[in-house]
Amino acid sequence: MAAWYETEKGMNRMLLERELLEHDFPQMTMGETPNKEIVVCGYIGPGNELSRAYWVEAVYPHNYGNGNSIDVYLPEEDLPWNTPHVYSTSEGHICITHGRDWKPDCTISDALGWIRAWLQLYEEFRRTGATW
């Protein structure tokens, strides 16, 4: 079975994703894993909204474009066990959306914006213990 980006529709979508990434998040890079998953990685922050930089890995699911959201990991972050909105603290797998928020036309730029927002809330959680 072909990867989602090997179909004509998928190739067009991949071109859009690359353009958005280069325009909105030029510090991030896009590559392919050995098992043919597309991954975007790089640092987000520091800046006005974040006190430091965080290494982010955003992995496109095999059936991307059909409403499935991008999986997001913070592999260099030692997430406390009680960190809100995570799938796995040991893997650094974070939850950036509610299932209903992610639509088939959402893009990598949407995901990276949500990651930045998650990181802002995470920093507040680390500072105060306040959950979101």
N, C-alpha and C. Protein backbone atom coordinates (compact mmCIF):
# COMPACT_ATOMS: atom_id res chain seq x y z
N MET A 1 0.83 -1.18 0.00
CA MET A 1 0.00 0.00 0.00
C MET A 1 0.89 1.26 0.00
N ALA A 2 0.53 2.21 -0.82
CA ALA A 2 1.30 3.44 -0.94
C ALA A 2 1.11 4.31 0.31
N ALA A 3 2.16 5.02 0.65
CA ALA A 3 2.06 6.00 1.73
C ALA A 3 1.13 7.12 1.28
N TRP A 4 0.52 7.82 2.22
CA TRP A 4 -0.46 8.86 1.89
C TRP A 4 0.10 9.89 0.94
N TYR A 5 1.38 10.20 1.04
CA TYR A 5 2.00 11.24 0.23
C TYR A 5 2.46 10.73 -1.14
N GLU A 6 2.24 9.45 -1.43
CA GLU A 6 2.61 8.89 -2.73
C GLU A 6 1.45 8.88 -3.73
N THR A 7 0.28 9.28 -3.29
CA THR A 7 -0.85 9.42 -4.20
C THR A 7 -0.82 10.83 -4.79
N GLU A 8 -1.57 11.06 -5.85
CA GLU A 8 -1.59 12.40 -6.45
C GLU A 8 -2.12 13.43 -5.45
N LYS A 9 -3.23 13.09 -4.79
CA LYS A 9 -3.80 13.98 -3.79
C LYS A 9 -2.79 14.23 -2.66
N GLY A 10 -2.14 13.16 -2.22
CA GLY A 10 -1.16 13.28 -1.15
C GLY A 10 0.05 14.10 -1.53
N MET A 11 0.51 13.97 -2.79
CA MET A 11 1.65 14.77 -3.25
C MET A 11 1.31 16.25 -3.24
N ASN A 12 0.11 16.58 -3.69
CA ASN A 12 -0.32 17.97 -3.66
C ASN A 12 -0.39 18.49 -2.23
N ARG A 13 -0.90 17.66 -1.34
CA ARG A 13 -0.99 18.04 0.07
C ARG A 13 0.41 18.24 0.65
N MET A 14 1.34 17.36 0.30
CA MET A 14 2.71 17.46 0.81
C MET A 14 3.37 18.75 0.34
N LEU A 15 3.13 19.15 -0.90
CA LEU A 15 3.68 20.42 -1.39
C LEU A 15 3.16 21.59 -0.56
N LEU A 16 1.86 21.58 -0.27
CA LEU A 16 1.26 22.62 0.57
C LEU A 16 1.90 22.62 1.96
N GLU A 17 2.02 21.44 2.55
CA GLU A 17 2.60 21.33 3.89
C GLU A 17 4.03 21.88 3.92
N ARG A 18 4.81 21.54 2.91
CA ARG A 18 6.20 22.03 2.84
C ARG A 18 6.25 23.55 2.73
N GLU A 19 5.40 24.11 1.86
CA GLU A 19 5.36 25.56 1.69
C GLU A 19 4.98 26.26 3.00
N LEU A 20 3.96 25.74 3.67
CA LEU A 20 3.54 26.33 4.94
C LEU A 20 4.65 26.25 5.98
N LEU A 21 5.32 25.11 6.04
CA LEU A 21 6.40 24.92 7.01
C LEU A 21 7.52 25.92 6.74
N GLU A 22 7.93 26.06 5.48
CA GLU A 22 9.01 26.98 5.14
C GLU A 22 8.63 28.42 5.45
N HIS A 23 7.38 28.78 5.25
CA HIS A 23 6.93 30.15 5.49
C HIS A 23 6.71 30.44 6.98
N ASP A 24 5.99 29.55 7.67
CA ASP A 24 5.57 29.81 9.04
C ASP A 24 6.56 29.35 10.11
N PHE A 25 7.31 28.30 9.83
CA PHE A 25 8.23 27.73 10.82
C PHE A 25 9.53 27.32 10.12
N PRO A 26 10.29 28.30 9.61
CA PRO A 26 11.50 27.97 8.83
C PRO A 26 12.58 27.24 9.63
N GLN A 27 12.51 27.28 10.96
CA GLN A 27 13.50 26.59 11.78
C GLN A 27 13.25 25.08 11.85
N MET A 28 12.08 24.65 11.37
CA MET A 28 11.72 23.23 11.42
C MET A 28 12.12 22.56 10.10
N THR A 29 12.45 21.26 10.19
CA THR A 29 12.79 20.51 8.98
C THR A 29 11.83 19.33 8.82
N MET A 30 11.65 18.90 7.58
CA MET A 30 10.77 17.78 7.27
C MET A 30 11.61 16.66 6.68
N GLY A 31 11.35 15.43 7.15
CA GLY A 31 12.07 14.27 6.65
C GLY A 31 11.19 13.04 6.68
N GLU A 32 11.79 11.92 6.33
CA GLU A 32 11.06 10.65 6.29
C GLU A 32 11.78 9.63 7.16
N THR A 33 11.03 8.90 7.96
CA THR A 33 11.61 7.85 8.80
C THR A 33 11.79 6.58 7.95
N PRO A 34 12.56 5.61 8.45
CA PRO A 34 12.73 4.36 7.70
C PRO A 34 11.41 3.63 7.40
N ASN A 35 10.39 3.81 8.25
CA ASN A 35 9.11 3.14 7.98
C ASN A 35 8.13 4.05 7.23
N LYS A 36 8.69 5.02 6.50
CA LYS A 36 7.94 5.88 5.57
C LYS A 36 6.95 6.82 6.25
N GLU A 37 7.24 7.21 7.49
CA GLU A 37 6.45 8.24 8.13
C GLU A 37 7.14 9.58 7.87
N ILE A 38 6.34 10.60 7.66
CA ILE A 38 6.89 11.95 7.53
C ILE A 38 6.97 12.55 8.92
N VAL A 39 8.11 13.16 9.22
CA VAL A 39 8.31 13.78 10.53
C VAL A 39 8.85 15.19 10.32
N VAL A 40 8.32 16.11 11.12
CA VAL A 40 8.81 17.48 11.15
C VAL A 40 9.45 17.67 12.52
N CYS A 41 10.67 18.18 12.54
CA CYS A 41 11.34 18.35 13.82
C CYS A 41 12.15 19.64 13.85
N GLY A 42 12.39 20.09 15.05
CA GLY A 42 13.16 21.29 15.28
C GLY A 42 12.78 21.90 16.61
N TYR A 43 13.38 23.05 16.88
CA TYR A 43 13.13 23.74 18.14
C TYR A 43 12.04 24.80 17.98
N ILE A 44 11.16 24.87 18.97
CA ILE A 44 10.20 25.95 19.09
C ILE A 44 10.58 26.73 20.33
N GLY A 45 10.72 28.06 20.19
CA GLY A 45 11.13 28.93 21.27
C GLY A 45 12.62 29.14 21.23
N PRO A 46 13.19 29.91 22.11
CA PRO A 46 12.50 30.78 23.06
C PRO A 46 11.92 31.99 22.33
N GLY A 47 11.23 32.80 23.06
CA GLY A 47 10.63 34.00 22.50
C GLY A 47 9.81 34.68 23.57
N ASN A 48 9.00 35.64 23.14
CA ASN A 48 8.17 36.37 24.10
C ASN A 48 7.28 35.42 24.90
N GLU A 49 6.79 34.37 24.23
CA GLU A 49 5.83 33.49 24.89
C GLU A 49 6.46 32.26 25.54
N LEU A 50 7.70 31.95 25.22
CA LEU A 50 8.37 30.77 25.78
C LEU A 50 9.72 31.15 26.35
N SER A 51 10.02 30.62 27.53
CA SER A 51 11.27 30.98 28.21
C SER A 51 12.49 30.28 27.63
N ARG A 52 12.27 29.16 26.94
CA ARG A 52 13.40 28.42 26.37
C ARG A 52 12.93 27.66 25.13
N ALA A 53 13.87 27.03 24.47
CA ALA A 53 13.57 26.25 23.26
C ALA A 53 13.23 24.81 23.64
N TYR A 54 12.29 24.22 22.90
CA TYR A 54 11.88 22.84 23.10
C TYR A 54 12.04 22.09 21.78
N TRP A 55 12.68 20.91 21.85
CA TRP A 55 12.79 20.06 20.67
C TRP A 55 11.45 19.36 20.45
N VAL A 56 10.92 19.51 19.26
CA VAL A 56 9.61 18.98 18.91
C VAL A 56 9.74 18.04 17.73
N GLU A 57 9.04 16.91 17.80
CA GLU A 57 8.93 15.99 16.67
C GLU A 57 7.45 15.77 16.40
N ALA A 58 7.02 16.13 15.20
CA ALA A 58 5.63 15.98 14.79
C ALA A 58 5.58 14.94 13.68
N VAL A 59 4.91 13.83 13.95
CA VAL A 59 4.89 12.69 13.03
C VAL A 59 3.52 12.58 12.38
N TYR A 60 3.51 12.59 11.06
CA TYR A 60 2.26 12.42 10.32
C TYR A 60 1.83 10.96 10.39
N PRO A 61 0.57 10.70 10.68
CA PRO A 61 0.11 9.30 10.67
C PRO A 61 0.06 8.76 9.24
N HIS A 62 0.07 7.46 9.10
CA HIS A 62 0.06 6.84 7.77
C HIS A 62 -1.18 7.22 6.97
N ASN A 63 -2.28 7.49 7.63
CA ASN A 63 -3.51 7.85 6.91
C ASN A 63 -3.80 9.35 7.04
N TYR A 64 -2.78 10.16 7.07
CA TYR A 64 -2.93 11.61 7.18
C TYR A 64 -3.80 12.14 6.04
N GLY A 65 -4.56 13.18 6.35
CA GLY A 65 -5.44 13.76 5.35
C GLY A 65 -6.85 13.24 5.44
N ASN A 66 -7.06 12.22 6.26
CA ASN A 66 -8.39 11.64 6.45
C ASN A 66 -8.95 12.00 7.82
N GLY A 67 -8.46 13.07 8.40
CA GLY A 67 -8.98 13.52 9.68
C GLY A 67 -8.15 13.10 10.88
N ASN A 68 -7.07 12.36 10.66
CA ASN A 68 -6.23 11.94 11.78
C ASN A 68 -5.16 12.99 12.04
N SER A 69 -5.02 13.38 13.30
CA SER A 69 -4.08 14.45 13.64
C SER A 69 -2.64 13.94 13.67
N ILE A 70 -1.75 14.89 13.64
CA ILE A 70 -0.32 14.64 13.70
C ILE A 70 0.03 14.25 15.14
N ASP A 71 0.89 13.25 15.31
CA ASP A 71 1.36 12.85 16.64
C ASP A 71 2.55 13.73 17.02
N VAL A 72 2.54 14.24 18.23
CA VAL A 72 3.56 15.19 18.66
C VAL A 72 4.33 14.64 19.86
N TYR A 73 5.64 14.77 19.78
CA TYR A 73 6.52 14.28 20.83
C TYR A 73 7.51 15.36 21.26
N LEU A 74 7.80 15.37 22.54
CA LEU A 74 8.84 16.21 23.12
C LEU A 74 9.88 15.27 23.73
N PRO A 75 10.68 14.60 22.91
CA PRO A 75 11.55 13.53 23.42
C PRO A 75 12.65 13.98 24.36
N GLU A 76 13.01 15.25 24.33
CA GLU A 76 14.07 15.73 25.22
C GLU A 76 13.54 16.28 26.53
N GLU A 77 12.21 16.35 26.66
CA GLU A 77 11.60 16.93 27.86
C GLU A 77 11.25 15.82 28.84
N ASP A 78 11.65 15.98 30.08
CA ASP A 78 11.31 15.04 31.13
C ASP A 78 9.99 15.50 31.74
N LEU A 79 8.88 15.04 31.16
CA LEU A 79 7.55 15.48 31.60
C LEU A 79 7.21 14.85 32.95
N PRO A 80 6.80 15.68 33.92
CA PRO A 80 6.35 15.12 35.19
C PRO A 80 5.15 14.19 34.98
N TRP A 81 4.99 13.23 35.85
CA TRP A 81 3.92 12.23 35.71
C TRP A 81 2.54 12.86 35.66
N ASN A 82 2.36 14.01 36.29
CA ASN A 82 1.04 14.63 36.37
C ASN A 82 0.83 15.74 35.33
N THR A 83 1.67 15.78 34.32
CA THR A 83 1.52 16.79 33.28
C THR A 83 0.19 16.59 32.56
N PRO A 84 -0.60 17.65 32.45
CA PRO A 84 -1.89 17.52 31.75
C PRO A 84 -1.69 17.34 30.25
N HIS A 85 -2.67 16.73 29.63
CA HIS A 85 -2.77 16.61 28.17
C HIS A 85 -1.56 15.92 27.53
N VAL A 86 -1.26 14.74 28.05
CA VAL A 86 -0.23 13.90 27.45
C VAL A 86 -0.78 12.50 27.26
N TYR A 87 -0.28 11.81 26.26
CA TYR A 87 -0.62 10.40 26.06
C TYR A 87 0.37 9.52 26.82
N SER A 88 1.64 9.94 26.82
CA SER A 88 2.67 9.16 27.49
C SER A 88 3.78 10.09 27.95
N THR A 89 3.96 10.20 29.28
CA THR A 89 5.05 11.05 29.77
C THR A 89 6.40 10.42 29.46
N SER A 90 6.50 9.10 29.45
CA SER A 90 7.79 8.46 29.19
C SER A 90 8.24 8.66 27.75
N GLU A 91 7.31 8.74 26.81
CA GLU A 91 7.66 8.97 25.40
C GLU A 91 7.63 10.45 25.04
N GLY A 92 7.07 11.28 25.92
CA GLY A 92 6.92 12.69 25.62
C GLY A 92 5.85 12.95 24.58
N HIS A 93 4.87 12.04 24.49
CA HIS A 93 3.79 12.13 23.50
C HIS A 93 2.69 13.02 24.07
N ILE A 94 2.51 14.20 23.48
CA ILE A 94 1.57 15.17 24.03
C ILE A 94 0.29 15.25 23.19
N CYS A 95 -0.78 15.72 23.83
CA CYS A 95 -2.09 15.89 23.20
C CYS A 95 -2.29 17.38 22.92
N ILE A 96 -2.34 17.76 21.66
CA ILE A 96 -2.49 19.17 21.31
C ILE A 96 -3.90 19.55 20.90
N THR A 97 -4.77 18.57 20.64
CA THR A 97 -6.13 18.89 20.20
C THR A 97 -7.13 17.97 20.88
N HIS A 98 -8.36 18.40 20.87
CA HIS A 98 -9.46 17.48 21.14
C HIS A 98 -9.78 16.87 19.79
N GLY A 99 -10.23 15.64 19.75
CA GLY A 99 -10.49 14.97 18.48
C GLY A 99 -11.33 15.80 17.52
N ARG A 100 -12.27 16.55 18.06
CA ARG A 100 -13.16 17.33 17.19
C ARG A 100 -12.47 18.57 16.63
N ASP A 101 -11.34 18.99 17.19
CA ASP A 101 -10.63 20.18 16.72
C ASP A 101 -9.88 19.93 15.42
N TRP A 102 -9.41 18.71 15.23
CA TRP A 102 -8.59 18.40 14.06
C TRP A 102 -9.51 18.04 12.89
N LYS A 103 -9.37 18.77 11.82
CA LYS A 103 -10.17 18.56 10.60
C LYS A 103 -9.23 18.11 9.48
N PRO A 104 -9.76 17.47 8.46
CA PRO A 104 -8.90 17.02 7.36
C PRO A 104 -8.09 18.14 6.70
N ASP A 105 -8.57 19.39 6.77
CA ASP A 105 -7.82 20.47 6.14
C ASP A 105 -6.84 21.15 7.09
N CYS A 106 -6.73 20.68 8.34
CA CYS A 106 -5.72 21.22 9.25
C CYS A 106 -4.34 20.87 8.70
N THR A 107 -3.38 21.76 8.95
CA THR A 107 -2.04 21.61 8.38
C THR A 107 -0.97 21.55 9.46
N ILE A 108 0.26 21.36 9.02
CA ILE A 108 1.39 21.37 9.95
C ILE A 108 1.49 22.71 10.66
N SER A 109 1.16 23.79 9.98
CA SER A 109 1.18 25.11 10.64
C SER A 109 0.17 25.17 11.77
N ASP A 110 -1.02 24.61 11.56
CA ASP A 110 -2.00 24.53 12.64
C ASP A 110 -1.43 23.75 13.82
N ALA A 111 -0.87 22.58 13.53
CA ALA A 111 -0.32 21.72 14.58
C ALA A 111 0.79 22.42 15.35
N LEU A 112 1.71 23.07 14.64
CA LEU A 112 2.83 23.73 15.31
C LEU A 112 2.35 24.93 16.13
N GLY A 113 1.32 25.61 15.69
CA GLY A 113 0.73 26.68 16.49
C GLY A 113 0.12 26.13 17.77
N TRP A 114 -0.57 24.99 17.67
CA TRP A 114 -1.14 24.37 18.86
C TRP A 114 -0.05 23.86 19.80
N ILE A 115 1.05 23.38 19.22
CA ILE A 115 2.18 22.93 20.05
C ILE A 115 2.74 24.11 20.83
N ARG A 116 2.91 25.24 20.16
CA ARG A 116 3.42 26.44 20.85
C ARG A 116 2.49 26.81 22.01
N ALA A 117 1.18 26.78 21.77
CA ALA A 117 0.21 27.09 22.83
C ALA A 117 0.32 26.08 23.97
N TRP A 118 0.46 24.78 23.63
CA TRP A 118 0.62 23.74 24.64
C TRP A 118 1.86 24.03 25.49
N LEU A 119 2.95 24.41 24.83
CA LEU A 119 4.19 24.69 25.56
C LEU A 119 4.04 25.89 26.49
N GLN A 120 3.30 26.89 26.08
CA GLN A 120 3.05 28.04 26.96
C GLN A 120 2.30 27.58 28.21
N LEU A 121 1.28 26.78 28.03
CA LEU A 121 0.52 26.26 29.17
C LEU A 121 1.37 25.33 30.03
N TYR A 122 2.23 24.56 29.39
CA TYR A 122 3.13 23.67 30.10
C TYR A 122 4.08 24.46 31.00
N GLU A 123 4.64 25.55 30.48
CA GLU A 123 5.53 26.37 31.29
C GLU A 123 4.79 26.95 32.50
N GLU A 124 3.55 27.36 32.30
CA GLU A 124 2.74 27.87 33.42
C GLU A 124 2.48 26.76 34.44
N PHE A 125 2.21 25.55 33.94
CA PHE A 125 2.02 24.39 34.81
C PHE A 125 3.28 24.12 35.64
N ARG A 126 4.43 24.18 35.01
CA ARG A 126 5.68 23.93 35.73
C ARG A 126 5.95 25.02 36.77
N ARG A 127 5.57 26.23 36.45
CA ARG A 127 5.79 27.35 37.37
C ARG A 127 4.82 27.33 38.54
N THR A 128 3.54 27.04 38.28
CA THR A 128 2.50 27.23 39.30
C THR A 128 1.75 25.97 39.70
N GLY A 129 1.83 24.92 38.86
CA GLY A 129 1.04 23.72 39.12
C GLY A 129 -0.37 23.81 38.57
N ALA A 130 -0.72 24.93 37.95
CA ALA A 130 -2.07 25.13 37.40
C ALA A 130 -2.24 24.28 36.14
N THR A 131 -3.31 23.51 36.11
CA THR A 131 -3.59 22.68 34.94
C THR A 131 -4.49 23.44 33.97
N TRP A 132 -4.61 22.90 32.78
CA TRP A 132 -5.47 23.53 31.78
C TRP A 132 -6.37 22.51 31.15
